[in-house]
């Protein structure tokens, strides 16, 4: 068959076929007129290379698989040499992931340092309790109905002050844990369409409301207040410092709490998975009460305080 037919039947481009030939992965015969004549074996090799590419195996790494097919095996990975190629490719991916994680950590560190250095507390504290008009109001979808009476998981999370907290050992007193999607930074754009997502906007104003009523909550019998999101511990530390929060922030980047308690989450453009806004009242290791959905967030601490007064 000619190269165009091979490319069409294999699901690749003519350019790709020529590239595979330049690597010696396929070796077509030559007709008397000089044209290349591709065989069914060549098409099988091209398909194998294409499928391996989807899994992360490059064309150059595909040679053991093609050799395996040429020996008459039904699958390109029926040979031991192919398994070695799999392991080598996995090792390369692991190294790439490690490198990307290191770069991400460096960027987060630089962002934290820049935000703390560039913006003064006075400028960032302006109009924090003011929310735009017309925000969509979240509705109760029943995603938190199962939580009252459930025991807190024995999960240890990092805190904004460099410590760790075991959620299964919060003590006998009442603990308030408010979960939220993310706190924006001064001068940084929020995710696209943020204000159109019910319950998304208002994390900073919610934190400030808990800050302003922290002493009232303690007087009402609350032993501790925690803010929890999937943002990094360094991000949480910057927020706690910038907003002058008198309580500790928790970081759950892996959504351990969400998975353990089946908590509601959502997806935001450019951010991936985020916590839905929700507040837990924990007593004696169990969830006593749940606030969900929450609106408006900028007066939510006062809602919690009113409930505490009604349930001393």
C-alpha atoms as a PDB file:
ATOM      1  CA  UNK A   1       0.000   0.000   0.000  1.00  0.00           C
ATOM      2  CA  UNK A   2       1.073   3.599  -0.515  1.00  0.00           C
ATOM      3  CA  UNK A   3       1.907   5.994   2.307  1.00  0.00           C
ATOM      4  CA  UNK A   4      -1.400   7.875   2.125  1.00  0.00           C
ATOM      5  CA  UNK A   5      -3.412   4.709   2.556  1.00  0.00           C
ATOM      6  CA  UNK A   6      -1.197   3.556   5.403  1.00  0.00           C
ATOM      7  CA  UNK A   7      -1.580   6.869   7.211  1.00  0.00           C
ATOM      8  CA  UNK A   8      -5.356   6.851   6.796  1.00  0.00           C
ATOM      9  CA  UNK A   9      -5.819   3.254   7.947  1.00  0.00           C
ATOM     10  CA  UNK A  10      -3.436   3.737  10.890  1.00  0.00           C
ATOM     11  CA  UNK A  11      -4.975   6.976  12.107  1.00  0.00           C
ATOM     12  CA  UNK A  12      -1.806   9.044  11.810  1.00  0.00           C
ATOM     13  CA  UNK A  13      -0.460  11.701   9.463  1.00  0.00           C
ATOM     14  CA  UNK A  14       1.784  11.106   6.468  1.00  0.00           C
ATOM     15  CA  UNK A  15       4.420  13.171   8.238  1.00  0.00           C
ATOM     16  CA  UNK A  16       4.285  10.810  11.212  1.00  0.00           C
ATOM     17  CA  UNK A  17       4.774   7.791   8.951  1.00  0.00           C
ATOM     18  CA  UNK A  18       7.837   9.395   7.407  1.00  0.00           C
ATOM     19  CA  UNK A  19       9.189  10.158  10.867  1.00  0.00           C
ATOM     20  CA  UNK A  20       8.738   6.555  11.994  1.00  0.00           C
ATOM     21  CA  UNK A  21      10.543   5.409   8.852  1.00  0.00           C
ATOM     22  CA  UNK A  22      13.435   7.804   9.540  1.00  0.00           C
ATOM     23  CA  UNK A  23      13.819   6.156  12.959  1.00  0.00           C
ATOM     24  CA  UNK A  24      13.925   2.725  11.373  1.00  0.00           C
ATOM     25  CA  UNK A  25      10.674   1.636  13.016  1.00  0.00           C
ATOM     26  CA  UNK A  26       9.218   0.605   9.662  1.00  0.00           C
ATOM     27  CA  UNK A  27      11.097  -0.471   6.516  1.00  0.00           C
ATOM     28  CA  UNK A  28       8.864  -0.508   3.417  1.00  0.00           C
ATOM     29  CA  UNK A  29       9.785  -2.339   0.245  1.00  0.00           C
ATOM     30  CA  UNK A  30      10.630  -0.447  -2.933  1.00  0.00           C
ATOM     31  CA  UNK A  31       8.722  -1.017  -6.157  1.00  0.00           C
ATOM     32  CA  UNK A  32      10.422  -1.007  -9.559  1.00  0.00           C
ATOM     33  CA  UNK A  33       9.258   2.575 -10.078  1.00  0.00           C
ATOM     34  CA  UNK A  34      10.923   3.669  -6.816  1.00  0.00           C
ATOM     35  CA  UNK A  35       7.716   4.109  -4.802  1.00  0.00           C
ATOM     36  CA  UNK A  36       7.546   2.748  -1.288  1.00  0.00           C
ATOM     37  CA  UNK A  37       5.319  -0.275  -0.771  1.00  0.00           C
ATOM     38  CA  UNK A  38       4.050  -0.585   2.811  1.00  0.00           C
ATOM     39  CA  UNK A  39       2.922  -3.943   4.138  1.00  0.00           C
ATOM     40  CA  UNK A  40       0.323  -4.957   6.718  1.00  0.00           C
ATOM     41  CA  UNK A  41       3.197  -5.445   9.173  1.00  0.00           C
ATOM     42  CA  UNK A  42       4.143  -1.788   8.724  1.00  0.00           C
ATOM     43  CA  UNK A  43       0.590  -0.709   9.481  1.00  0.00           C
ATOM     44  CA  UNK A  44       0.534  -2.863  12.620  1.00  0.00           C
ATOM     45  CA  UNK A  45       3.803  -1.249  13.728  1.00  0.00           C
ATOM     46  CA  UNK A  46       2.486   2.266  13.118  1.00  0.00           C
ATOM     47  CA  UNK A  47      -0.676   1.522  15.108  1.00  0.00           C
ATOM     48  CA  UNK A  48       1.447   0.124  17.954  1.00  0.00           C
ATOM     49  CA  UNK A  49       3.579   3.274  18.053  1.00  0.00           C
ATOM     50  CA  UNK A  50       0.492   5.481  17.991  1.00  0.00           C
ATOM     51  CA  UNK A  51      -1.165   3.610  20.872  1.00  0.00           C
ATOM     52  CA  UNK A  52       2.024   3.641  22.921  1.00  0.00           C
ATOM     53  CA  UNK A  53       2.319   7.408  22.408  1.00  0.00           C
ATOM     54  CA  UNK A  54      -1.080   7.860  24.055  1.00  0.00           C
ATOM     55  CA  UNK A  55       0.270   6.034  27.130  1.00  0.00           C
ATOM     56  CA  UNK A  56       3.415   8.171  27.251  1.00  0.00           C
ATOM     57  CA  UNK A  57       5.853   5.949  25.369  1.00  0.00           C
ATOM     58  CA  UNK A  58       7.763   7.939  22.745  1.00  0.00           C
ATOM     59  CA  UNK A  59       8.464   6.620  19.249  1.00  0.00           C
ATOM     60  CA  UNK A  60      12.112   6.039  20.140  1.00  0.00           C
ATOM     61  CA  UNK A  61      11.062   4.038  23.208  1.00  0.00           C
ATOM     62  CA  UNK A  62       8.761   1.855  21.100  1.00  0.00           C
ATOM     63  CA  UNK A  63      11.518  -0.282  19.547  1.00  0.00           C
ATOM     64  CA  UNK A  64      11.257  -3.184  22.072  1.00  0.00           C
ATOM     65  CA  UNK A  65       7.517  -3.414  21.431  1.00  0.00           C
ATOM     66  CA  UNK A  66       7.981  -3.537  17.664  1.00  0.00           C
ATOM     67  CA  UNK A  67      10.708  -6.144  18.010  1.00  0.00           C
ATOM     68  CA  UNK A  68       8.299  -8.189  20.106  1.00  0.00           C
ATOM     69  CA  UNK A  69       5.674  -8.029  17.367  1.00  0.00           C
ATOM     70  CA  UNK A  70       8.234  -8.974  14.718  1.00  0.00           C
ATOM     71  CA  UNK A  71       8.963 -12.152  16.692  1.00  0.00           C
ATOM     72  CA  UNK A  72       5.376 -13.220  16.150  1.00  0.00           C
ATOM     73  CA  UNK A  73       3.837 -12.255  19.485  1.00  0.00           C
ATOM     74  CA  UNK A  74       0.229 -11.133  19.501  1.00  0.00           C
ATOM     75  CA  UNK A  75       0.950  -8.081  21.666  1.00  0.00           C
ATOM     76  CA  UNK A  76       3.914  -5.747  21.658  1.00  0.00           C
ATOM     77  CA  UNK A  77       4.327  -6.058  25.418  1.00  0.00           C
ATOM     78  CA  UNK A  78       4.428  -9.861  25.572  1.00  0.00           C
ATOM     79  CA  UNK A  79       8.235  -9.712  25.842  1.00  0.00           C
ATOM     80  CA  UNK A  80      10.384  -8.986  28.892  1.00  0.00           C
ATOM     81  CA  UNK A  81      12.170  -6.148  27.055  1.00  0.00           C
ATOM     82  CA  UNK A  82       8.840  -4.337  26.705  1.00  0.00           C
ATOM     83  CA  UNK A  83       8.254  -4.507  30.447  1.00  0.00           C
ATOM     84  CA  UNK A  84      11.651  -2.913  30.983  1.00  0.00           C
ATOM     85  CA  UNK A  85      10.630  -0.141  28.580  1.00  0.00           C
ATOM     86  CA  UNK A  86       7.445   0.398  30.605  1.00  0.00           C
ATOM     87  CA  UNK A  87       9.459   0.748  33.815  1.00  0.00           C
ATOM     88  CA  UNK A  88      11.922   3.150  32.191  1.00  0.00           C
ATOM     89  CA  UNK A  89       9.059   5.325  30.908  1.00  0.00           C
ATOM     90  CA  UNK A  90       7.423   5.340  34.342  1.00  0.00           C
ATOM     91  CA  UNK A  91      10.715   6.404  35.921  1.00  0.00           C
ATOM     92  CA  UNK A  92      11.012   9.291  33.463  1.00  0.00           C
ATOM     93  CA  UNK A  93       7.478  10.424  34.258  1.00  0.00           C
ATOM     94  CA  UNK A  94       8.196  10.223  37.994  1.00  0.00           C
ATOM     95  CA  UNK A  95      11.267  12.411  37.525  1.00  0.00           C
ATOM     96  CA  UNK A  96       9.213  14.914  35.507  1.00  0.00           C
ATOM     97  CA  UNK A  97       6.522  14.994  38.200  1.00  0.00           C
ATOM     98  CA  UNK A  98       9.153  15.589  40.874  1.00  0.00           C
ATOM     99  CA  UNK A  99      10.652  18.421  38.871  1.00  0.00           C
ATOM    100  CA  UNK A 100       7.251  20.040  38.323  1.00  0.00           C
ATOM    101  CA  UNK A 101       6.396  19.756  42.006  1.00  0.00           C
ATOM    102  CA  UNK A 102       9.666  21.447  42.921  1.00  0.00           C
ATOM    103  CA  UNK A 103       8.968  24.264  40.462  1.00  0.00           C
ATOM    104  CA  UNK A 104       5.418  24.633  41.768  1.00  0.00           C
ATOM    105  CA  UNK A 105       6.678  24.846  45.338  1.00  0.00           C
ATOM    106  CA  UNK A 106       9.203  27.506  44.341  1.00  0.00           C
ATOM    107  CA  UNK A 107       6.507  29.548  42.604  1.00  0.00           C
ATOM    108  CA  UNK A 108       4.191  29.286  45.622  1.00  0.00           C
ATOM    109  CA  UNK A 109       7.015  30.465  47.878  1.00  0.00           C
ATOM    110  CA  UNK A 110       7.728  33.420  45.609  1.00  0.00           C
ATOM    111  CA  UNK A 111       4.018  34.285  45.429  1.00  0.00           C
ATOM    112  CA  UNK A 112       3.695  34.190  49.204  1.00  0.00           C
ATOM    113  CA  UNK A 113       6.768  36.369  49.682  1.00  0.00           C
ATOM    114  CA  UNK A 114       5.665  38.840  47.013  1.00  0.00           C
ATOM    115  CA  UNK A 115       2.134  39.171  48.383  1.00  0.00           C
ATOM    116  CA  UNK A 116       3.434  39.786  51.893  1.00  0.00           C
ATOM    117  CA  UNK A 117       6.031  42.312  50.686  1.00  0.00           C
ATOM    118  CA  UNK A 118       3.980  44.202  48.113  1.00  0.00           C
ATOM    119  CA  UNK A 119       0.667  44.791  49.845  1.00  0.00           C
ATOM    120  CA  UNK A 120       0.325  46.571  53.173  1.00  0.00           C
ATOM    121  CA  UNK A 121      -2.204  45.448  55.742  1.00  0.00           C
ATOM    122  CA  UNK A 122      -4.020  48.758  55.490  1.00  0.00           C
ATOM    123  CA  UNK A 123      -4.590  48.535  51.754  1.00  0.00           C
ATOM    124  CA  UNK A 124      -5.727  44.924  51.868  1.00  0.00           C
ATOM    125  CA  UNK A 125      -8.200  45.448  54.685  1.00  0.00           C
ATOM    126  CA  UNK A 126     -10.413  47.879  52.770  1.00  0.00           C
ATOM    127  CA  UNK A 127     -14.028  46.859  51.984  1.00  0.00           C
ATOM    128  CA  UNK A 128     -13.440  43.227  52.899  1.00  0.00           C
ATOM    129  CA  UNK A 129     -17.003  42.828  54.165  1.00  0.00           C
ATOM    130  CA  UNK A 130     -18.565  44.295  51.048  1.00  0.00           C
ATOM    131  CA  UNK A 131     -19.985  41.792  48.579  1.00  0.00           C
ATOM    132  CA  UNK A 132     -21.181  42.602  45.046  1.00  0.00           C
ATOM    133  CA  UNK A 133     -24.913  42.868  44.580  1.00  0.00           C
ATOM    134  CA  UNK A 134     -26.775  40.147  42.764  1.00  0.00           C
ATOM    135  CA  UNK A 135     -24.615  37.191  43.805  1.00  0.00           C
ATOM    136  CA  UNK A 136     -26.408  33.873  43.159  1.00  0.00           C
ATOM    137  CA  UNK A 137     -27.756  32.270  46.323  1.00  0.00           C
ATOM    138  CA  UNK A 138     -26.752  28.625  46.828  1.00  0.00           C
ATOM    139  CA  UNK A 139     -29.532  26.086  47.355  1.00  0.00           C
ATOM    140  CA  UNK A 140     -29.521  23.106  49.688  1.00  0.00           C
ATOM    141  CA  UNK A 141     -28.806  20.074  47.511  1.00  0.00           C
ATOM    142  CA  UNK A 142     -28.741  17.686  50.467  1.00  0.00           C
ATOM    143  CA  UNK A 143     -24.993  17.104  50.162  1.00  0.00           C
ATOM    144  CA  UNK A 144     -24.472  17.666  53.915  1.00  0.00           C
ATOM    145  CA  UNK A 145     -27.555  15.895  55.290  1.00  0.00           C
ATOM    146  CA  UNK A 146     -25.541  12.836  56.328  1.00  0.00           C
ATOM    147  CA  UNK A 147     -23.041  14.709  58.508  1.00  0.00           C
ATOM    148  CA  UNK A 148     -24.741  15.327  61.903  1.00  0.00           C
ATOM    149  CA  UNK A 149     -23.682  12.615  64.339  1.00  0.00           C
ATOM    150  CA  UNK A 150     -20.725  11.459  62.231  1.00  0.00           C
ATOM    151  CA  UNK A 151     -17.377  11.086  64.005  1.00  0.00           C
ATOM    152  CA  UNK A 152     -14.512  13.249  62.825  1.00  0.00           C
ATOM    153  CA  UNK A 153     -11.791  11.322  60.992  1.00  0.00           C
ATOM    154  CA  UNK A 154      -8.395  10.831  62.615  1.00  0.00           C
ATOM    155  CA  UNK A 155      -6.658  13.002  60.039  1.00  0.00           C
ATOM    156  CA  UNK A 156      -3.723  15.279  60.819  1.00  0.00           C
ATOM    157  CA  UNK A 157      -3.528  18.551  58.872  1.00  0.00           C
ATOM    158  CA  UNK A 158      -0.852  21.230  58.768  1.00  0.00           C
ATOM    159  CA  UNK A 159      -1.723  24.599  60.256  1.00  0.00           C
ATOM    160  CA  UNK A 160      -0.862  28.142  59.266  1.00  0.00           C
ATOM    161  CA  UNK A 161       1.270  28.579  62.393  1.00  0.00           C
ATOM    162  CA  UNK A 162       3.533  25.635  61.580  1.00  0.00           C
ATOM    163  CA  UNK A 163       1.811  23.123  63.829  1.00  0.00           C
ATOM    164  CA  UNK A 164      -0.424  20.107  63.146  1.00  0.00           C
ATOM    165  CA  UNK A 165      -3.986  19.328  64.228  1.00  0.00           C
ATOM    166  CA  UNK A 166      -5.562  15.878  64.499  1.00  0.00           C
ATOM    167  CA  UNK A 167      -9.243  16.297  63.664  1.00  0.00           C
ATOM    168  CA  UNK A 168     -10.064  13.170  65.616  1.00  0.00           C
ATOM    169  CA  UNK A 169      -8.638  14.699  68.803  1.00  0.00           C
ATOM    170  CA  UNK A 170     -10.229  18.141  68.990  1.00  0.00           C
ATOM    171  CA  UNK A 171     -11.299  17.711  72.615  1.00  0.00           C
ATOM    172  CA  UNK A 172     -14.578  17.789  74.469  1.00  0.00           C
ATOM    173  CA  UNK A 173     -15.433  21.454  73.891  1.00  0.00           C
ATOM    174  CA  UNK A 174     -17.131  22.824  70.817  1.00  0.00           C
ATOM    175  CA  UNK A 175     -14.934  23.468  67.796  1.00  0.00           C
ATOM    176  CA  UNK A 176     -15.974  25.518  64.783  1.00  0.00           C
ATOM    177  CA  UNK A 177     -14.461  24.493  61.447  1.00  0.00           C
ATOM    178  CA  UNK A 178     -15.516  26.587  58.489  1.00  0.00           C
ATOM    179  CA  UNK A 179     -14.610  25.184  55.081  1.00  0.00           C
ATOM    180  CA  UNK A 180     -14.374  27.438  52.049  1.00  0.00           C
ATOM    181  CA  UNK A 181     -13.165  27.312  48.410  1.00  0.00           C
ATOM    182  CA  UNK A 182     -10.261  29.753  48.283  1.00  0.00           C
ATOM    183  CA  UNK A 183      -9.166  33.154  49.523  1.00  0.00           C
ATOM    184  CA  UNK A 184      -8.159  35.617  46.828  1.00  0.00           C
ATOM    185  CA  UNK A 185      -5.024  37.731  46.966  1.00  0.00           C
ATOM    186  CA  UNK A 186      -4.845  41.483  46.445  1.00  0.00           C
ATOM    187  CA  UNK A 187      -3.968  42.214  42.840  1.00  0.00           C
ATOM    188  CA  UNK A 188      -4.653  38.627  41.698  1.00  0.00           C
ATOM    189  CA  UNK A 189      -7.638  37.714  39.545  1.00  0.00           C
ATOM    190  CA  UNK A 190     -10.229  35.279  40.823  1.00  0.00           C
ATOM    191  CA  UNK A 191     -11.147  32.286  38.605  1.00  0.00           C
ATOM    192  CA  UNK A 192     -13.241  33.086  35.526  1.00  0.00           C
ATOM    193  CA  UNK A 193     -16.936  33.236  36.344  1.00  0.00           C
ATOM    194  CA  UNK A 194     -16.260  33.143  40.093  1.00  0.00           C
ATOM    195  CA  UNK A 195     -19.126  35.443  40.983  1.00  0.00           C
ATOM    196  CA  UNK A 196     -21.566  33.334  38.962  1.00  0.00           C
ATOM    197  CA  UNK A 197     -20.861  30.200  41.043  1.00  0.00           C
ATOM    198  CA  UNK A 198     -23.396  30.048  43.903  1.00  0.00           C
ATOM    199  CA  UNK A 199     -21.619  30.332  47.233  1.00  0.00           C
ATOM    200  CA  UNK A 200     -18.126  30.870  45.820  1.00  0.00           C
ATOM    201  CA  UNK A 201     -17.550  34.582  46.401  1.00  0.00           C
ATOM    202  CA  UNK A 202     -16.919  35.941  49.894  1.00  0.00           C
ATOM    203  CA  UNK A 203     -14.165  33.856  51.518  1.00  0.00           C
ATOM    204  CA  UNK A 204     -12.173  36.854  52.723  1.00  0.00           C
ATOM    205  CA  UNK A 205     -15.249  38.554  54.151  1.00  0.00           C
ATOM    206  CA  UNK A 206     -16.221  35.318  55.906  1.00  0.00           C
ATOM    207  CA  UNK A 207     -12.777  35.063  57.495  1.00  0.00           C
ATOM    208  CA  UNK A 208     -13.019  38.667  58.655  1.00  0.00           C
ATOM    209  CA  UNK A 209     -16.444  38.046  60.179  1.00  0.00           C
ATOM    210  CA  UNK A 210     -15.030  35.144  62.198  1.00  0.00           C
ATOM    211  CA  UNK A 211     -12.091  37.379  63.158  1.00  0.00           C
ATOM    212  CA  UNK A 212     -14.336  40.215  64.322  1.00  0.00           C
ATOM    213  CA  UNK A 213     -16.557  37.863  66.372  1.00  0.00           C
ATOM    214  CA  UNK A 214     -13.841  35.530  67.611  1.00  0.00           C
ATOM    215  CA  UNK A 215     -14.056  36.746  71.220  1.00  0.00           C
ATOM    216  CA  UNK A 216     -17.856  36.442  71.122  1.00  0.00           C
ATOM    217  CA  UNK A 217     -17.563  32.853  69.894  1.00  0.00           C
ATOM    218  CA  UNK A 218     -15.143  32.012  72.693  1.00  0.00           C
ATOM    219  CA  UNK A 219     -17.517  33.571  75.219  1.00  0.00           C
ATOM    220  CA  UNK A 220     -20.289  31.382  73.800  1.00  0.00           C
ATOM    221  CA  UNK A 221     -18.291  28.260  74.644  1.00  0.00           C
ATOM    222  CA  UNK A 222     -16.235  27.638  71.515  1.00  0.00           C
ATOM    223  CA  UNK A 223     -12.862  26.117  72.322  1.00  0.00           C
ATOM    224  CA  UNK A 224     -11.296  26.690  68.901  1.00  0.00           C
ATOM    225  CA  UNK A 225     -12.039  28.095  65.451  1.00  0.00           C
ATOM    226  CA  UNK A 226     -10.382  26.792  62.284  1.00  0.00           C
ATOM    227  CA  UNK A 227     -10.655  27.875  58.671  1.00  0.00           C
ATOM    228  CA  UNK A 228     -10.038  25.037  56.205  1.00  0.00           C
ATOM    229  CA  UNK A 229      -9.448  24.996  52.457  1.00  0.00           C
ATOM    230  CA  UNK A 230      -7.350  23.125  49.889  1.00  0.00           C
ATOM    231  CA  UNK A 231      -4.858  25.982  49.609  1.00  0.00           C
ATOM    232  CA  UNK A 232      -1.252  25.329  50.634  1.00  0.00           C
ATOM    233  CA  UNK A 233      -0.089  25.841  54.199  1.00  0.00           C
ATOM    234  CA  UNK A 234       2.114  28.743  53.054  1.00  0.00           C
ATOM    235  CA  UNK A 235      -0.882  30.357  51.363  1.00  0.00           C
ATOM    236  CA  UNK A 236      -2.912  29.903  54.565  1.00  0.00           C
ATOM    237  CA  UNK A 237      -0.130  31.436  56.646  1.00  0.00           C
ATOM    238  CA  UNK A 238      -0.042  34.516  54.391  1.00  0.00           C
ATOM    239  CA  UNK A 239      -3.822  34.908  54.655  1.00  0.00           C
ATOM    240  CA  UNK A 240      -3.781  34.579  58.437  1.00  0.00           C
ATOM    241  CA  UNK A 241      -1.067  37.233  58.695  1.00  0.00           C
ATOM    242  CA  UNK A 242      -2.566  39.630  56.150  1.00  0.00           C
ATOM    243  CA  UNK A 243      -6.074  39.488  57.641  1.00  0.00           C
ATOM    244  CA  UNK A 244      -4.746  39.456  61.231  1.00  0.00           C
ATOM    245  CA  UNK A 245      -6.747  36.346  62.084  1.00  0.00           C
ATOM    246  CA  UNK A 246      -6.704  35.335  65.758  1.00  0.00           C
ATOM    247  CA  UNK A 247      -7.344  31.674  64.888  1.00  0.00           C
ATOM    248  CA  UNK A 248      -5.524  28.982  62.924  1.00  0.00           C
ATOM    249  CA  UNK A 249      -6.039  28.047  59.274  1.00  0.00           C
ATOM    250  CA  UNK A 250      -5.829  24.442  58.077  1.00  0.00           C
ATOM    251  CA  UNK A 251      -4.507  23.178  54.746  1.00  0.00           C
ATOM    252  CA  UNK A 252      -5.997  20.112  53.055  1.00  0.00           C
ATOM    253  CA  UNK A 253      -4.474  20.088  49.563  1.00  0.00           C
ATOM    254  CA  UNK A 254      -5.286  16.394  49.064  1.00  0.00           C
ATOM    255  CA  UNK A 255      -8.961  16.744  50.100  1.00  0.00           C
ATOM    256  CA  UNK A 256      -8.509  14.122  52.803  1.00  0.00           C
ATOM    257  CA  UNK A 257     -11.349  15.537  54.898  1.00  0.00           C
ATOM    258  CA  UNK A 258     -13.675  15.782  51.900  1.00  0.00           C
ATOM    259  CA  UNK A 259     -13.046  12.166  50.958  1.00  0.00           C
ATOM    260  CA  UNK A 260     -13.327  10.873  54.541  1.00  0.00           C
ATOM    261  CA  UNK A 261     -16.622  12.668  55.239  1.00  0.00           C
ATOM    262  CA  UNK A 262     -18.032  12.771  51.677  1.00  0.00           C
ATOM    263  CA  UNK A 263     -18.141  16.569  51.751  1.00  0.00           C
ATOM    264  CA  UNK A 264     -19.438  18.590  48.797  1.00  0.00           C
ATOM    265  CA  UNK A 265     -16.844  20.045  46.424  1.00  0.00           C
ATOM    266  CA  UNK A 266     -16.959  21.703  43.015  1.00  0.00           C
ATOM    267  CA  UNK A 267     -14.762  22.447  40.015  1.00  0.00           C
ATOM    268  CA  UNK A 268     -13.728  26.003  39.114  1.00  0.00           C
ATOM    269  CA  UNK A 269     -11.983  27.089  35.880  1.00  0.00           C
ATOM    270  CA  UNK A 270      -8.229  27.105  36.327  1.00  0.00           C
ATOM    271  CA  UNK A 271      -8.422  25.844  39.908  1.00  0.00           C
ATOM    272  CA  UNK A 272      -9.699  22.288  39.671  1.00  0.00           C
ATOM    273  CA  UNK A 273     -11.443  20.820  42.703  1.00  0.00           C
ATOM    274  CA  UNK A 274     -12.426  23.163  45.549  1.00  0.00           C
ATOM    275  CA  UNK A 275     -14.306  22.850  48.818  1.00  0.00           C
ATOM    276  CA  UNK A 276     -17.912  24.019  48.883  1.00  0.00           C
ATOM    277  CA  UNK A 277     -18.627  26.488  51.666  1.00  0.00           C
ATOM    278  CA  UNK A 278     -19.724  24.614  54.791  1.00  0.00           C
ATOM    279  CA  UNK A 279     -19.285  24.929  58.565  1.00  0.00           C
ATOM    280  CA  UNK A 280     -19.057  22.123  61.118  1.00  0.00           C
ATOM    281  CA  UNK A 281     -19.766  22.384  64.828  1.00  0.00           C
ATOM    282  CA  UNK A 282     -17.787  19.542  66.441  1.00  0.00           C
ATOM    283  CA  UNK A 283     -18.280  18.350  70.011  1.00  0.00           C
ATOM    284  CA  UNK A 284     -16.885  15.248  71.745  1.00  0.00           C
ATOM    285  CA  UNK A 285     -15.339  14.127  68.480  1.00  0.00           C
ATOM    286  CA  UNK A 286     -18.634  14.153  66.571  1.00  0.00           C
ATOM    287  CA  UNK A 287     -20.302  16.608  64.216  1.00  0.00           C
ATOM    288  CA  UNK A 288     -23.048  18.225  66.262  1.00  0.00           C
ATOM    289  CA  UNK A 289     -24.374  20.639  63.661  1.00  0.00           C
ATOM    290  CA  UNK A 290     -23.747  21.629  60.033  1.00  0.00           C
ATOM    291  CA  UNK A 291     -24.308  24.957  58.298  1.00  0.00           C
ATOM    292  CA  UNK A 292     -24.906  24.307  54.603  1.00  0.00           C
ATOM    293  CA  UNK A 293     -25.407  26.080  52.307  1.00  0.00           C
ATOM    294  CA  UNK A 294     -24.045  29.369  53.656  1.00  0.00           C
ATOM    295  CA  UNK A 295     -25.226  32.784  52.517  1.00  0.00           C
ATOM    296  CA  UNK A 296     -24.275  35.528  52.893  1.00  0.00           C
ATOM    297  CA  UNK A 297     -20.745  34.571  53.942  1.00  0.00           C
ATOM    298  CA  UNK A 298     -19.855  38.006  55.320  1.00  0.00           C
ATOM    299  CA  UNK A 299     -22.277  37.549  58.258  1.00  0.00           C
ATOM    300  CA  UNK A 300     -21.885  33.808  58.711  1.00  0.00           C
ATOM    301  CA  UNK A 301     -19.945  34.017  61.993  1.00  0.00           C
ATOM    302  CA  UNK A 302     -22.913  35.876  63.410  1.00  0.00           C
ATOM    303  CA  UNK A 303     -25.197  33.037  62.237  1.00  0.00           C
ATOM    304  CA  UNK A 304     -22.967  30.568  64.078  1.00  0.00           C
ATOM    305  CA  UNK A 305     -22.990  32.770  67.163  1.00  0.00           C
ATOM    306  CA  UNK A 306     -26.807  32.943  67.132  1.00  0.00           C
ATOM    307  CA  UNK A 307     -27.034  29.140  66.936  1.00  0.00           C
ATOM    308  CA  UNK A 308     -24.619  28.788  69.855  1.00  0.00           C
ATOM    309  CA  UNK A 309     -26.764  31.071  71.969  1.00  0.00           C
ATOM    310  CA  UNK A 310     -29.841  29.011  71.061  1.00  0.00           C
ATOM    311  CA  UNK A 311     -28.042  25.746  71.906  1.00  0.00           C
ATOM    312  CA  UNK A 312     -25.895  26.494  74.975  1.00  0.00           C
END
